[in-house]
């Protein structure tokens, strides 16, 4: 086996740390970009201006542990899975399932994540009922995410399935 020396002593101090880069510049002194993966959640910390190698590892470790202890990541939607359904007008089905084409997560202070209904507001906006026919992949509305009343993100909602229009006789009935 090949042994490669490493100047990131944080790798030896914390079993969850897996890298990234150490550095030194005459003006900025010691720096460290570090990455930590715990329970499927990754945090990255970047610090610069440390006077010693030991202080850069110590302070970076504190920063990473602070991030894990004080913040929580909340899953809002999973990519390409049914998120909700929307009302359909004159379709062979009364509703159409919709999805979002990316995973959506938000990171909040743990104290706020316990009260996520108070701080984080997720709403579905669409002009409906949506008139058939609907093709799979059509954009049917928006998913809006607000934090403390302020809109922070907006995502397209896509039709998960085709919905055909009712024939003339069914519409008359």
N, C-alpha and C. Protein backbone atom coordinates (compact mmCIF):
# COMPACT_ATOMS: atom_id res chain seq x y z
N UNK A 1 0.82 -1.21 0.00
CA UNK A 1 0.00 0.00 0.00
C UNK A 1 0.86 1.26 0.00
N UNK A 2 0.30 2.30 -0.59
CA UNK A 2 1.00 3.59 -0.65
C UNK A 2 0.54 4.44 0.52
N UNK A 3 1.47 5.00 1.25
CA UNK A 3 1.15 5.90 2.35
C UNK A 3 1.36 7.33 1.88
N UNK A 4 0.35 8.16 2.08
CA UNK A 4 0.41 9.55 1.67
C UNK A 4 0.26 10.43 2.89
N UNK A 5 1.26 11.26 3.19
CA UNK A 5 1.12 12.15 4.35
C UNK A 5 0.03 13.19 4.09
N UNK A 6 -0.59 13.66 5.18
CA UNK A 6 -1.67 14.62 5.06
C UNK A 6 -1.49 15.69 6.13
N UNK A 7 -1.66 16.95 5.75
CA UNK A 7 -1.50 18.04 6.71
C UNK A 7 -2.82 18.43 7.38
N UNK A 8 -3.90 17.73 7.06
CA UNK A 8 -5.19 18.01 7.68
C UNK A 8 -5.33 17.13 8.92
N UNK A 9 -4.90 17.63 10.07
CA UNK A 9 -4.96 16.84 11.31
C UNK A 9 -6.40 16.63 11.77
N UNK A 10 -7.33 17.37 11.23
CA UNK A 10 -8.74 17.19 11.58
C UNK A 10 -9.22 15.80 11.18
N UNK A 11 -8.62 15.21 10.15
CA UNK A 11 -8.99 13.86 9.74
C UNK A 11 -8.74 12.84 10.86
N UNK A 12 -7.74 13.08 11.68
CA UNK A 12 -7.44 12.18 12.79
C UNK A 12 -8.24 12.50 14.04
N UNK A 13 -8.76 13.70 14.17
CA UNK A 13 -9.49 14.13 15.36
C UNK A 13 -10.97 13.77 15.32
N UNK A 14 -11.54 13.70 14.15
CA UNK A 14 -12.98 13.51 14.02
C UNK A 14 -13.24 12.48 12.93
N UNK A 15 -13.84 11.34 13.31
CA UNK A 15 -14.01 10.24 12.36
C UNK A 15 -15.00 10.56 11.23
N UNK A 16 -15.80 11.60 11.38
CA UNK A 16 -16.77 11.96 10.34
C UNK A 16 -16.19 12.90 9.28
N UNK A 17 -15.04 13.49 9.58
CA UNK A 17 -14.41 14.43 8.65
C UNK A 17 -13.75 13.64 7.52
N UNK A 18 -13.95 14.11 6.27
CA UNK A 18 -13.38 13.38 5.13
C UNK A 18 -12.60 14.27 4.17
N UNK A 19 -12.16 15.42 4.58
CA UNK A 19 -11.28 16.20 3.71
C UNK A 19 -11.58 17.67 3.84
N UNK A 20 -11.11 18.50 3.14
CA UNK A 20 -11.00 18.84 1.74
C UNK A 20 -9.57 19.36 1.46
N UNK A 21 -9.20 20.55 2.02
CA UNK A 21 -7.95 21.17 1.61
C UNK A 21 -7.40 22.06 2.71
N UNK A 22 -6.10 21.91 2.96
CA UNK A 22 -5.39 22.82 3.87
C UNK A 22 -4.63 23.84 3.04
N UNK A 23 -4.24 24.93 3.68
CA UNK A 23 -3.48 25.93 2.94
C UNK A 23 -2.71 26.86 3.87
N UNK A 24 -1.76 27.56 3.29
CA UNK A 24 -0.99 28.56 4.02
C UNK A 24 -0.58 29.65 3.05
N UNK A 25 -0.83 30.88 3.42
CA UNK A 25 -0.37 32.06 2.68
C UNK A 25 0.26 33.01 3.68
N UNK A 26 1.29 33.69 3.28
CA UNK A 26 2.01 34.59 4.18
C UNK A 26 1.09 35.63 4.81
N UNK A 27 0.13 36.14 4.04
CA UNK A 27 -0.76 37.18 4.55
C UNK A 27 -1.89 36.58 5.39
N UNK A 28 -2.53 35.55 4.88
CA UNK A 28 -3.70 34.98 5.55
C UNK A 28 -3.34 33.93 6.60
N UNK A 29 -2.13 33.46 6.62
CA UNK A 29 -1.66 32.39 7.51
C UNK A 29 -2.34 31.08 7.14
N UNK A 30 -2.73 30.29 8.14
CA UNK A 30 -3.26 28.95 7.89
C UNK A 30 -4.76 28.99 7.56
N UNK A 31 -5.15 28.11 6.64
CA UNK A 31 -6.56 28.02 6.26
C UNK A 31 -6.95 26.55 6.12
N UNK A 32 -8.25 26.30 6.16
CA UNK A 32 -8.75 24.93 6.02
C UNK A 32 -10.16 24.96 5.48
N UNK A 33 -10.36 24.22 4.41
CA UNK A 33 -11.71 23.91 3.92
C UNK A 33 -11.95 22.47 4.33
N UNK A 34 -12.95 22.22 5.16
CA UNK A 34 -13.18 20.88 5.69
C UNK A 34 -14.59 20.42 5.39
N UNK A 35 -14.74 19.11 5.30
CA UNK A 35 -16.02 18.50 4.98
C UNK A 35 -16.31 17.40 5.99
N UNK A 36 -17.56 17.34 6.41
CA UNK A 36 -17.96 16.33 7.40
C UNK A 36 -19.29 15.73 6.97
N UNK A 37 -19.36 14.40 6.98
CA UNK A 37 -20.57 13.69 6.59
C UNK A 37 -21.02 12.84 7.76
N UNK A 38 -22.19 13.18 8.31
CA UNK A 38 -22.73 12.45 9.45
C UNK A 38 -24.18 12.12 9.17
N UNK A 39 -24.51 10.84 9.23
CA UNK A 39 -25.89 10.36 9.02
C UNK A 39 -26.48 10.84 7.70
N UNK A 40 -25.67 10.82 6.65
CA UNK A 40 -26.15 11.21 5.32
C UNK A 40 -26.27 12.69 5.10
N UNK A 41 -25.83 13.48 6.04
CA UNK A 41 -25.89 14.94 5.92
C UNK A 41 -24.47 15.48 5.88
N UNK A 42 -24.18 16.32 4.90
CA UNK A 42 -22.83 16.85 4.73
C UNK A 42 -22.81 18.35 5.00
N UNK A 43 -21.80 18.77 5.76
CA UNK A 43 -21.54 20.18 5.97
C UNK A 43 -20.12 20.49 5.53
N UNK A 44 -19.92 21.68 5.03
CA UNK A 44 -18.60 22.14 4.60
C UNK A 44 -18.31 23.45 5.33
N UNK A 45 -17.11 23.53 5.90
CA UNK A 45 -16.68 24.74 6.61
C UNK A 45 -15.40 25.24 5.96
N UNK A 46 -15.30 26.55 5.83
CA UNK A 46 -14.09 27.17 5.29
C UNK A 46 -13.65 28.24 6.26
N UNK A 47 -12.40 28.14 6.71
CA UNK A 47 -11.86 29.12 7.63
C UNK A 47 -10.47 29.54 7.21
N UNK A 48 -10.11 30.78 7.49
CA UNK A 48 -8.82 31.31 7.10
C UNK A 48 -8.35 32.30 8.15
N UNK A 49 -7.03 32.53 8.21
CA UNK A 49 -6.49 33.50 9.14
C UNK A 49 -6.06 32.90 10.46
N UNK A 50 -5.93 31.59 10.54
CA UNK A 50 -5.50 30.94 11.78
C UNK A 50 -4.00 31.11 11.94
N UNK A 51 -3.56 31.29 13.19
CA UNK A 51 -2.13 31.53 13.44
C UNK A 51 -1.32 30.25 13.45
N UNK A 52 -1.96 29.11 13.77
CA UNK A 52 -1.24 27.84 13.83
C UNK A 52 -2.03 26.74 13.13
N UNK A 53 -1.34 25.64 12.82
CA UNK A 53 -2.01 24.47 12.24
C UNK A 53 -3.02 23.90 13.22
N UNK A 54 -2.63 23.87 14.49
CA UNK A 54 -3.53 23.33 15.52
C UNK A 54 -4.80 24.14 15.68
N UNK A 55 -4.67 25.46 15.63
CA UNK A 55 -5.87 26.30 15.79
C UNK A 55 -6.80 26.17 14.59
N UNK A 56 -6.24 25.98 13.40
CA UNK A 56 -7.15 25.82 12.24
C UNK A 56 -7.96 24.54 12.36
N UNK A 57 -7.36 23.45 12.85
CA UNK A 57 -8.09 22.19 13.03
C UNK A 57 -9.11 22.32 14.15
N UNK A 58 -8.70 22.90 15.27
CA UNK A 58 -9.57 23.04 16.42
C UNK A 58 -10.80 23.90 16.08
N UNK A 59 -10.58 25.05 15.47
CA UNK A 59 -11.69 25.95 15.16
C UNK A 59 -12.58 25.40 14.06
N UNK A 60 -11.99 24.73 13.08
CA UNK A 60 -12.81 24.12 12.02
C UNK A 60 -13.68 23.01 12.58
N UNK A 61 -13.15 22.22 13.50
CA UNK A 61 -13.92 21.17 14.14
C UNK A 61 -15.09 21.77 14.93
N UNK A 62 -14.83 22.86 15.65
CA UNK A 62 -15.89 23.55 16.39
C UNK A 62 -16.99 24.04 15.45
N UNK A 63 -16.57 24.59 14.33
CA UNK A 63 -17.53 25.12 13.36
C UNK A 63 -18.41 24.01 12.78
N UNK A 64 -17.80 22.90 12.40
CA UNK A 64 -18.57 21.77 11.86
C UNK A 64 -19.53 21.20 12.91
N UNK A 65 -19.06 21.00 14.12
CA UNK A 65 -19.93 20.47 15.17
C UNK A 65 -21.05 21.44 15.52
N UNK A 66 -20.77 22.74 15.47
CA UNK A 66 -21.81 23.74 15.69
C UNK A 66 -22.91 23.61 14.62
N UNK A 67 -22.49 23.44 13.38
CA UNK A 67 -23.46 23.29 12.30
C UNK A 67 -24.37 22.09 12.50
N UNK A 68 -23.79 20.96 12.92
CA UNK A 68 -24.61 19.76 13.14
C UNK A 68 -25.48 19.88 14.38
N UNK A 69 -25.00 20.55 15.42
CA UNK A 69 -25.78 20.63 16.65
C UNK A 69 -26.86 21.70 16.61
N UNK A 70 -26.68 22.75 15.81
CA UNK A 70 -27.60 23.88 15.84
C UNK A 70 -28.56 23.95 14.65
N UNK A 71 -28.29 23.19 13.58
CA UNK A 71 -29.12 23.28 12.38
C UNK A 71 -29.69 21.92 12.00
N UNK A 72 -30.85 21.92 11.43
CA UNK A 72 -31.51 20.70 10.95
C UNK A 72 -31.92 20.91 9.49
N UNK A 73 -31.85 19.84 8.73
CA UNK A 73 -32.27 19.89 7.34
C UNK A 73 -33.61 19.17 7.21
N UNK A 74 -34.57 19.85 6.61
CA UNK A 74 -35.93 19.33 6.47
C UNK A 74 -36.18 18.98 5.01
N UNK A 75 -36.66 17.77 4.79
CA UNK A 75 -37.02 17.35 3.42
C UNK A 75 -38.42 17.87 3.10
N UNK A 76 -38.51 18.54 1.95
CA UNK A 76 -39.80 19.08 1.52
C UNK A 76 -40.39 18.23 0.39
N UNK A 77 -39.55 17.83 -0.56
CA UNK A 77 -40.04 17.02 -1.68
C UNK A 77 -38.91 16.16 -2.22
N UNK A 78 -39.28 14.97 -2.72
CA UNK A 78 -38.33 14.09 -3.36
C UNK A 78 -38.52 14.17 -4.87
N UNK A 79 -37.41 14.12 -5.57
CA UNK A 79 -37.38 14.22 -7.02
C UNK A 79 -38.23 13.11 -7.67
N UNK A 80 -39.05 13.50 -8.63
CA UNK A 80 -39.82 12.60 -9.48
C UNK A 80 -40.77 11.66 -8.73
N UNK A 81 -41.23 12.06 -7.56
CA UNK A 81 -42.26 11.30 -6.85
C UNK A 81 -43.49 12.19 -6.72
N UNK A 82 -44.64 11.57 -6.61
CA UNK A 82 -45.90 12.33 -6.53
C UNK A 82 -45.86 13.24 -5.30
N UNK A 83 -46.11 14.52 -5.54
CA UNK A 83 -46.11 15.50 -4.45
C UNK A 83 -47.53 15.74 -3.94
N UNK A 84 -48.47 15.96 -4.86
CA UNK A 84 -49.87 16.17 -4.51
C UNK A 84 -50.69 15.95 -5.78
N UNK A 85 -51.98 16.20 -5.68
CA UNK A 85 -52.81 16.15 -6.89
C UNK A 85 -53.58 17.45 -7.02
N UNK A 86 -53.90 17.77 -8.27
CA UNK A 86 -54.61 19.01 -8.58
C UNK A 86 -55.92 18.67 -9.28
N UNK A 87 -56.91 19.54 -9.12
CA UNK A 87 -58.22 19.32 -9.73
C UNK A 87 -58.17 19.50 -11.24
N UNK A 88 -58.95 18.63 -11.94
CA UNK A 88 -59.02 18.65 -13.41
C UNK A 88 -60.46 18.93 -13.82
N UNK A 89 -60.62 19.71 -14.90
CA UNK A 89 -61.92 20.06 -15.46
C UNK A 89 -62.10 19.34 -16.79
N UNK A 90 -63.22 18.64 -16.94
CA UNK A 90 -63.59 17.94 -18.18
C UNK A 90 -62.55 16.88 -18.58
N UNK A 91 -61.99 16.21 -17.59
CA UNK A 91 -61.02 15.15 -17.87
C UNK A 91 -61.59 13.79 -17.51
N UNK A 92 -60.98 12.74 -18.03
CA UNK A 92 -61.41 11.38 -17.70
C UNK A 92 -61.09 11.05 -16.25
N UNK A 93 -60.24 11.86 -15.63
CA UNK A 93 -59.97 11.77 -14.19
C UNK A 93 -60.28 13.13 -13.58
N UNK A 94 -60.69 13.13 -12.32
CA UNK A 94 -61.02 14.39 -11.64
C UNK A 94 -59.80 15.12 -11.10
N UNK A 95 -58.69 14.38 -10.95
CA UNK A 95 -57.45 14.97 -10.45
C UNK A 95 -56.28 14.47 -11.27
N UNK A 96 -55.18 15.21 -11.19
CA UNK A 96 -53.93 14.80 -11.82
C UNK A 96 -52.82 14.89 -10.77
N UNK A 97 -52.00 13.85 -10.68
CA UNK A 97 -50.87 13.87 -9.77
C UNK A 97 -49.77 14.76 -10.34
N UNK A 98 -49.06 15.47 -9.46
CA UNK A 98 -47.96 16.33 -9.89
C UNK A 98 -46.70 15.98 -9.10
N UNK A 99 -45.56 16.31 -9.69
CA UNK A 99 -44.27 16.05 -9.06
C UNK A 99 -43.33 17.22 -9.30
N UNK A 100 -42.20 17.18 -8.61
CA UNK A 100 -41.15 18.18 -8.76
C UNK A 100 -39.92 17.44 -9.27
N UNK A 101 -39.17 18.05 -10.18
CA UNK A 101 -38.07 17.34 -10.83
C UNK A 101 -36.74 17.45 -10.10
N UNK A 102 -36.78 17.78 -8.81
CA UNK A 102 -35.54 17.82 -8.02
C UNK A 102 -35.87 17.63 -6.55
N UNK A 103 -34.89 17.14 -5.79
CA UNK A 103 -35.05 17.03 -4.35
C UNK A 103 -35.03 18.43 -3.76
N UNK A 104 -35.90 18.66 -2.78
CA UNK A 104 -35.95 19.98 -2.14
C UNK A 104 -35.77 19.79 -0.63
N UNK A 105 -34.74 20.44 -0.12
CA UNK A 105 -34.44 20.44 1.31
C UNK A 105 -34.22 21.89 1.74
N UNK A 106 -34.53 22.18 2.98
CA UNK A 106 -34.25 23.48 3.57
C UNK A 106 -33.59 23.25 4.92
N UNK A 107 -32.59 24.07 5.21
CA UNK A 107 -31.87 23.98 6.47
C UNK A 107 -32.29 25.14 7.37
N UNK A 108 -32.69 24.79 8.59
CA UNK A 108 -33.16 25.77 9.56
C UNK A 108 -32.45 25.57 10.89
N UNK A 109 -32.47 26.59 11.72
CA UNK A 109 -32.03 26.41 13.10
C UNK A 109 -32.89 25.32 13.72
N UNK A 110 -32.30 24.47 14.54
CA UNK A 110 -33.07 23.38 15.14
C UNK A 110 -34.25 23.90 15.93
N UNK A 111 -34.09 25.01 16.63
CA UNK A 111 -35.21 25.57 17.39
C UNK A 111 -36.35 25.97 16.47
N UNK A 112 -36.02 26.43 15.26
CA UNK A 112 -37.06 26.81 14.30
C UNK A 112 -37.64 25.59 13.59
N UNK A 113 -36.82 24.55 13.40
CA UNK A 113 -37.32 23.37 12.71
C UNK A 113 -38.37 22.64 13.55
N UNK A 114 -38.30 22.80 14.87
CA UNK A 114 -39.34 22.23 15.73
C UNK A 114 -40.66 22.94 15.51
N UNK A 115 -40.58 24.22 15.15
CA UNK A 115 -41.77 25.03 14.86
C UNK A 115 -41.88 25.31 13.37
N UNK A 116 -41.55 24.30 12.54
CA UNK A 116 -41.46 24.56 11.10
C UNK A 116 -42.77 25.08 10.51
N UNK A 117 -43.91 24.70 11.08
CA UNK A 117 -45.18 25.22 10.57
C UNK A 117 -45.28 26.72 10.81
N UNK A 118 -44.62 27.19 11.84
CA UNK A 118 -44.66 28.61 12.17
C UNK A 118 -43.76 29.42 11.24
N UNK A 119 -42.60 28.89 10.87
CA UNK A 119 -41.62 29.64 10.11
C UNK A 119 -41.58 29.29 8.62
N UNK A 120 -41.80 28.02 8.30
CA UNK A 120 -41.68 27.55 6.92
C UNK A 120 -43.07 27.26 6.36
N UNK A 121 -43.40 27.91 5.25
CA UNK A 121 -44.72 27.76 4.66
C UNK A 121 -44.56 27.28 3.22
N UNK A 122 -45.12 26.11 2.91
CA UNK A 122 -45.05 25.53 1.58
C UNK A 122 -46.46 25.54 1.00
N UNK A 123 -46.63 26.19 -0.16
CA UNK A 123 -47.94 26.29 -0.78
C UNK A 123 -47.88 25.87 -2.24
N UNK A 124 -48.99 25.32 -2.72
CA UNK A 124 -49.14 24.95 -4.12
C UNK A 124 -50.03 25.99 -4.78
N UNK A 125 -49.54 26.61 -5.84
CA UNK A 125 -50.30 27.63 -6.57
C UNK A 125 -50.53 27.17 -8.00
N UNK A 126 -51.80 27.19 -8.40
CA UNK A 126 -52.15 26.86 -9.78
C UNK A 126 -53.51 27.46 -10.09
N UNK A 127 -53.74 27.68 -11.39
CA UNK A 127 -55.04 28.18 -11.82
C UNK A 127 -55.87 26.95 -12.15
N UNK A 128 -56.85 26.70 -11.34
CA UNK A 128 -57.58 25.46 -11.54
C UNK A 128 -59.06 25.64 -11.32
N UNK A 129 -59.79 24.62 -11.64
CA UNK A 129 -59.27 23.33 -12.09
C UNK A 129 -58.62 23.43 -13.47
N UNK A 130 -57.66 22.53 -13.71
CA UNK A 130 -56.91 22.53 -14.95
C UNK A 130 -57.72 21.80 -16.02
N UNK A 131 -57.86 22.44 -17.16
CA UNK A 131 -58.68 21.86 -18.22
C UNK A 131 -57.92 20.76 -18.96
N UNK A 132 -58.59 19.61 -19.12
CA UNK A 132 -58.03 18.50 -19.89
C UNK A 132 -58.07 18.87 -21.37
N UNK A 133 -57.24 18.33 -22.20
CA UNK A 133 -56.28 17.27 -21.94
C UNK A 133 -54.99 17.80 -21.31
N UNK A 134 -54.35 16.90 -20.54
CA UNK A 134 -53.08 17.21 -19.87
C UNK A 134 -52.08 16.14 -20.29
N UNK A 135 -50.90 16.58 -20.66
CA UNK A 135 -49.84 15.65 -21.06
C UNK A 135 -48.83 15.51 -19.92
N UNK A 136 -48.32 14.31 -19.74
CA UNK A 136 -47.28 14.05 -18.74
C UNK A 136 -46.12 15.02 -18.99
N UNK A 137 -45.66 15.67 -17.93
CA UNK A 137 -44.54 16.62 -18.04
C UNK A 137 -44.98 18.06 -18.22
N UNK A 138 -46.27 18.31 -18.48
CA UNK A 138 -46.75 19.70 -18.57
C UNK A 138 -46.55 20.41 -17.23
N UNK A 139 -46.18 21.68 -17.29
CA UNK A 139 -46.08 22.48 -16.07
C UNK A 139 -47.49 22.95 -15.72
N UNK A 140 -47.93 22.58 -14.51
CA UNK A 140 -49.31 22.87 -14.12
C UNK A 140 -49.43 23.91 -13.02
N UNK A 141 -48.35 24.20 -12.35
CA UNK A 141 -48.41 25.16 -11.27
C UNK A 141 -47.04 25.37 -10.65
N UNK A 142 -47.04 25.98 -9.48
CA UNK A 142 -45.80 26.31 -8.77
C UNK A 142 -45.90 25.83 -7.32
N UNK A 143 -44.76 25.40 -6.81
CA UNK A 143 -44.61 25.14 -5.39
C UNK A 143 -43.83 26.30 -4.82
N UNK A 144 -44.43 27.05 -3.90
CA UNK A 144 -43.78 28.21 -3.31
C UNK A 144 -43.37 27.89 -1.88
N UNK A 145 -42.15 28.29 -1.54
CA UNK A 145 -41.64 28.09 -0.19
C UNK A 145 -41.32 29.45 0.40
N UNK A 146 -41.97 29.75 1.52
CA UNK A 146 -41.75 31.02 2.20
C UNK A 146 -41.17 30.73 3.58
N UNK A 147 -40.28 31.61 4.00
CA UNK A 147 -39.67 31.51 5.33
C UNK A 147 -39.95 32.81 6.06
N UNK A 148 -40.63 32.69 7.18
CA UNK A 148 -41.06 33.85 7.97
C UNK A 148 -41.79 34.87 7.10
N UNK A 149 -42.66 34.36 6.21
CA UNK A 149 -43.50 35.21 5.39
C UNK A 149 -42.86 35.72 4.11
N UNK A 150 -41.59 35.45 3.88
CA UNK A 150 -40.90 35.93 2.69
C UNK A 150 -40.63 34.77 1.73
N UNK A 151 -41.02 34.94 0.46
CA UNK A 151 -40.81 33.90 -0.55
C UNK A 151 -39.31 33.69 -0.76
N UNK A 152 -38.86 32.43 -0.58
CA UNK A 152 -37.43 32.13 -0.76
C UNK A 152 -37.16 31.25 -1.97
N UNK A 153 -38.13 30.44 -2.38
CA UNK A 153 -37.96 29.56 -3.53
C UNK A 153 -39.28 29.28 -4.21
N UNK A 154 -39.18 28.97 -5.49
CA UNK A 154 -40.36 28.63 -6.29
C UNK A 154 -39.94 27.52 -7.25
N UNK A 155 -40.76 26.47 -7.34
CA UNK A 155 -40.45 25.31 -8.18
C UNK A 155 -41.65 24.98 -9.05
N UNK A 156 -41.37 24.52 -10.27
CA UNK A 156 -42.44 24.09 -11.17
C UNK A 156 -43.02 22.76 -10.71
N UNK A 157 -44.34 22.62 -10.87
CA UNK A 157 -45.04 21.35 -10.64
C UNK A 157 -45.38 20.76 -12.00
N UNK A 158 -44.98 19.52 -12.21
CA UNK A 158 -45.16 18.85 -13.50
C UNK A 158 -46.22 17.76 -13.39
N UNK A 159 -46.98 17.58 -14.49
CA UNK A 159 -47.98 16.51 -14.54
C UNK A 159 -47.27 15.16 -14.50
N UNK A 160 -47.72 14.29 -13.62
CA UNK A 160 -47.13 12.96 -13.45
C UNK A 160 -47.69 11.97 -14.45
N UNK A 161 -48.80 12.36 -15.08
CA UNK A 161 -49.51 11.42 -15.97
C UNK A 161 -50.33 12.19 -17.00
N UNK A 162 -50.73 11.50 -18.03
CA UNK A 162 -51.65 12.07 -19.01
C UNK A 162 -53.08 12.01 -18.47
N UNK A 163 -53.86 13.02 -18.78
CA UNK A 163 -55.30 12.99 -18.48
C UNK A 163 -56.00 13.39 -19.76
N UNK A 164 -56.77 12.46 -20.30
CA UNK A 164 -57.49 12.72 -21.55
C UNK A 164 -58.77 13.48 -21.28
N UNK A 165 -59.20 14.17 -22.32
CA UNK A 165 -60.43 14.95 -22.24
C UNK A 165 -61.62 14.01 -22.36
N UNK A 166 -62.69 14.33 -21.64
CA UNK A 166 -63.93 13.55 -21.76
C UNK A 166 -64.49 13.67 -23.17
N UNK A 167 -65.14 12.62 -23.65
CA UNK A 167 -65.74 12.71 -24.98
C UNK A 167 -67.01 13.58 -24.89
N UNK A 168 -67.56 13.92 -26.04
CA UNK A 168 -68.70 14.84 -26.12
C UNK A 168 -69.89 14.36 -25.31
N UNK A 169 -70.19 13.07 -25.36
CA UNK A 169 -71.36 12.55 -24.66
C UNK A 169 -71.18 12.64 -23.14
N UNK A 170 -69.99 12.34 -22.65
CA UNK A 170 -69.73 12.43 -21.21
C UNK A 170 -69.80 13.87 -20.71
N UNK A 171 -69.33 14.80 -21.55
CA UNK A 171 -69.37 16.21 -21.17
C UNK A 171 -70.82 16.71 -21.08
N UNK A 172 -71.70 16.24 -21.97
CA UNK A 172 -73.09 16.67 -21.95
C UNK A 172 -73.80 16.16 -20.70
N UNK A 173 -73.44 14.98 -20.24
CA UNK A 173 -74.08 14.42 -19.04
C UNK A 173 -73.60 15.16 -17.83
